[in-house]
Amino acid sequence: MSDNQDLHNQLIKLGDMIGDGLHLEPDGKWISQEYRRVAKALGYPVSPSRKSNVAGINEAMKEALKTAKCQCGGKLKQTRSGSYRAKCIAPNCTNKYQFKSKRVKA
C-alpha cells in the first residue's frame, strides 16, 4: 500500500474513534490532535482553533460596569471570567444582565 492509502485508513479509524466519542475521554485528546495532523498531511483544509479573547472581554466588561447600574440602584458584577453577563450584588436583588460586545470595524 502507498503512504497516502495508509494515511487515509488511519484517518478513517481516527474518525470512527471520534464518532464513538473516545476523544472526549480524559486520555483521548491525542485522538483529535492525531486526526488534525493526518488530515493536514493528506491536504484537507483544517480550520484553525478558535482564539481565546477572555482578556479582551474582561477589560470591556470592566469598562462597562463602571457606568452600568442595576434597576434597584445596586452595583453589577461580572458573573464569570470571559462572559458578558453581570448580576446585581445587592442582597435582595436577583437581576441579571446580558451585555453586548462592541465590534470594531476593520
C-alpha atoms as a PDB file:
ATOM      1  CA  MET A   1       0.000   0.000   0.000  1.00  0.00           C
ATOM      2  CA  SER A   2       1.080   3.559  -0.572  1.00  0.00           C
ATOM      3  CA  ASP A   3       1.729   6.045   2.218  1.00  0.00           C
ATOM      4  CA  ASN A   4      -1.312   8.005   1.097  1.00  0.00           C
ATOM      5  CA  GLN A   5      -3.564   4.960   1.460  1.00  0.00           C
ATOM      6  CA  ASP A   6      -2.147   4.251   4.930  1.00  0.00           C
ATOM      7  CA  LEU A   7      -2.910   7.820   5.972  1.00  0.00           C
ATOM      8  CA  HIS A   8      -6.463   7.523   4.613  1.00  0.00           C
ATOM      9  CA  ASN A   9      -7.011   4.321   6.592  1.00  0.00           C
ATOM     10  CA  GLN A  10      -5.617   5.960   9.715  1.00  0.00           C
ATOM     11  CA  LEU A  11      -7.889   8.971   9.176  1.00  0.00           C
ATOM     12  CA  ILE A  12     -10.913   6.681   8.895  1.00  0.00           C
ATOM     13  CA  LYS A  13     -10.014   4.822  12.105  1.00  0.00           C
ATOM     14  CA  LEU A  14      -9.480   8.082  13.983  1.00  0.00           C
ATOM     15  CA  GLY A  15     -12.769   9.431  12.627  1.00  0.00           C
ATOM     16  CA  ASP A  16     -14.564   6.320  13.877  1.00  0.00           C
ATOM     17  CA  MET A  17     -12.994   6.817  17.298  1.00  0.00           C
ATOM     18  CA  ILE A  18     -14.186  10.433  17.322  1.00  0.00           C
ATOM     19  CA  GLY A  19     -17.647   9.273  16.232  1.00  0.00           C
ATOM     20  CA  ASP A  20     -17.736   6.879  19.190  1.00  0.00           C
ATOM     21  CA  GLY A  21     -16.823   9.757  21.499  1.00  0.00           C
ATOM     22  CA  LEU A  22     -13.459   8.372  22.587  1.00  0.00           C
ATOM     23  CA  HIS A  23     -11.816  11.765  22.051  1.00  0.00           C
ATOM     24  CA  LEU A  24     -13.936  13.129  24.914  1.00  0.00           C
ATOM     25  CA  GLU A  25     -12.481  10.649  27.422  1.00  0.00           C
ATOM     26  CA  PRO A  26      -9.903  12.005  29.900  1.00  0.00           C
ATOM     27  CA  ASP A  27      -6.976  10.493  27.974  1.00  0.00           C
ATOM     28  CA  GLY A  28      -8.450  10.915  24.482  1.00  0.00           C
ATOM     29  CA  LYS A  29      -7.107  14.330  23.473  1.00  0.00           C
ATOM     30  CA  TRP A  30      -4.443  12.649  21.354  1.00  0.00           C
ATOM     31  CA  ILE A  31      -7.173  11.366  19.007  1.00  0.00           C
ATOM     32  CA  SER A  32      -8.251  14.865  17.953  1.00  0.00           C
ATOM     33  CA  GLN A  33      -4.662  16.017  17.621  1.00  0.00           C
ATOM     34  CA  GLU A  34      -3.685  12.997  15.518  1.00  0.00           C
ATOM     35  CA  TYR A  35      -6.800  13.413  13.338  1.00  0.00           C
ATOM     36  CA  ARG A  36      -5.870  17.041  12.598  1.00  0.00           C
ATOM     37  CA  ARG A  37      -2.259  16.073  11.854  1.00  0.00           C
ATOM     38  CA  VAL A  38      -3.254  13.270   9.447  1.00  0.00           C
ATOM     39  CA  ALA A  39      -5.907  15.408   7.719  1.00  0.00           C
ATOM     40  CA  LYS A  40      -3.359  18.172   7.221  1.00  0.00           C
ATOM     41  CA  ALA A  41      -0.820  15.671   5.827  1.00  0.00           C
ATOM     42  CA  LEU A  42      -3.425  14.490   3.309  1.00  0.00           C
ATOM     43  CA  GLY A  43      -4.080  18.074   2.212  1.00  0.00           C
ATOM     44  CA  TYR A  44      -7.564  18.502   3.658  1.00  0.00           C
ATOM     45  CA  PRO A  45      -8.359  22.028   4.822  1.00  0.00           C
ATOM     46  CA  VAL A  46      -8.111  22.181   8.609  1.00  0.00           C
ATOM     47  CA  SER A  47      -9.687  25.185  10.288  1.00  0.00           C
ATOM     48  CA  PRO A  48      -7.575  26.890  12.939  1.00  0.00           C
ATOM     49  CA  SER A  49      -8.544  26.593  16.595  1.00  0.00           C
ATOM     50  CA  ARG A  50     -10.681  29.355  17.999  1.00  0.00           C
ATOM     51  CA  LYS A  51      -8.624  32.045  19.708  1.00  0.00           C
ATOM     52  CA  SER A  52      -9.403  32.994  23.275  1.00  0.00           C
ATOM     53  CA  ASN A  53     -10.460  36.587  23.879  1.00  0.00           C
ATOM     54  CA  VAL A  54     -11.045  36.305  27.623  1.00  0.00           C
ATOM     55  CA  ALA A  55      -8.702  39.183  28.467  1.00  0.00           C
ATOM     56  CA  GLY A  56     -10.419  41.499  25.975  1.00  0.00           C
ATOM     57  CA  ILE A  57     -13.892  40.562  27.210  1.00  0.00           C
ATOM     58  CA  ASN A  58     -12.899  41.084  30.845  1.00  0.00           C
ATOM     59  CA  GLU A  59     -11.438  44.504  30.025  1.00  0.00           C
ATOM     60  CA  ALA A  60     -14.580  45.532  28.102  1.00  0.00           C
ATOM     61  CA  MET A  61     -16.795  44.373  30.969  1.00  0.00           C
ATOM     62  CA  LYS A  62     -14.674  46.261  33.498  1.00  0.00           C
ATOM     63  CA  GLU A  63     -15.241  49.465  31.493  1.00  0.00           C
ATOM     64  CA  ALA A  64     -18.967  48.770  31.013  1.00  0.00           C
ATOM     65  CA  LEU A  65     -19.553  48.016  34.696  1.00  0.00           C
ATOM     66  CA  LYS A  66     -18.019  51.344  35.749  1.00  0.00           C
ATOM     67  CA  THR A  67     -21.121  53.164  34.494  1.00  0.00           C
ATOM     68  CA  ALA A  68     -23.806  50.441  34.467  1.00  0.00           C
ATOM     69  CA  LYS A  69     -26.098  50.096  37.467  1.00  0.00           C
ATOM     70  CA  CYS A  70     -28.960  47.784  38.338  1.00  0.00           C
ATOM     71  CA  GLN A  71     -32.570  48.982  38.290  1.00  0.00           C
ATOM     72  CA  CYS A  72     -32.558  48.752  42.092  1.00  0.00           C
ATOM     73  CA  GLY A  73     -29.505  51.023  42.217  1.00  0.00           C
ATOM     74  CA  GLY A  74     -27.062  48.289  43.201  1.00  0.00           C
ATOM     75  CA  LYS A  75     -23.692  47.602  41.642  1.00  0.00           C
ATOM     76  CA  LEU A  76     -23.191  44.958  38.984  1.00  0.00           C
ATOM     77  CA  LYS A  77     -20.545  42.240  38.981  1.00  0.00           C
ATOM     78  CA  GLN A  78     -19.384  40.037  36.097  1.00  0.00           C
ATOM     79  CA  THR A  79     -20.706  36.505  36.692  1.00  0.00           C
ATOM     80  CA  ARG A  80     -17.617  34.690  35.436  1.00  0.00           C
ATOM     81  CA  SER A  81     -14.411  35.454  33.606  1.00  0.00           C
ATOM     82  CA  GLY A  82     -14.834  35.741  29.842  1.00  0.00           C
ATOM     83  CA  SER A  83     -18.595  36.265  29.885  1.00  0.00           C
ATOM     84  CA  TYR A  84     -20.715  39.272  29.001  1.00  0.00           C
ATOM     85  CA  ARG A  85     -23.148  38.530  31.854  1.00  0.00           C
ATOM     86  CA  ALA A  86     -23.409  40.530  35.048  1.00  0.00           C
ATOM     87  CA  LYS A  87     -25.566  40.228  38.141  1.00  0.00           C
ATOM     88  CA  CYS A  88     -26.578  42.657  40.832  1.00  0.00           C
ATOM     89  CA  ILE A  89     -24.745  42.272  44.133  1.00  0.00           C
ATOM     90  CA  ALA A  90     -27.473  43.907  46.244  1.00  0.00           C
ATOM     91  CA  PRO A  91     -28.704  41.480  48.951  1.00  0.00           C
ATOM     92  CA  ASN A  92     -32.364  41.144  47.882  1.00  0.00           C
ATOM     93  CA  CYS A  93     -31.909  41.679  44.140  1.00  0.00           C
ATOM     94  CA  THR A  94     -31.696  38.793  41.647  1.00  0.00           C
ATOM     95  CA  ASN A  95     -31.459  40.813  38.434  1.00  0.00           C
ATOM     96  CA  LYS A  96     -29.092  39.567  35.740  1.00  0.00           C
ATOM     97  CA  TYR A  97     -27.949  41.485  32.672  1.00  0.00           C
ATOM     98  CA  GLN A  98     -26.508  40.465  29.312  1.00  0.00           C
ATOM     99  CA  PHE A  99     -24.085  42.945  27.759  1.00  0.00           C
ATOM    100  CA  LYS A 100     -23.366  43.088  24.032  1.00  0.00           C
ATOM    101  CA  SER A 101     -19.895  43.027  22.561  1.00  0.00           C
ATOM    102  CA  LYS A 102     -18.828  46.115  20.659  1.00  0.00           C
ATOM    103  CA  ARG A 103     -17.441  45.075  17.322  1.00  0.00           C
ATOM    104  CA  VAL A 104     -14.590  47.097  15.919  1.00  0.00           C
ATOM    105  CA  LYS A 105     -14.873  47.703  12.179  1.00  0.00           C
ATOM    106  CA  ALA A 106     -11.690  46.853  10.366  1.00  0.00           C
END
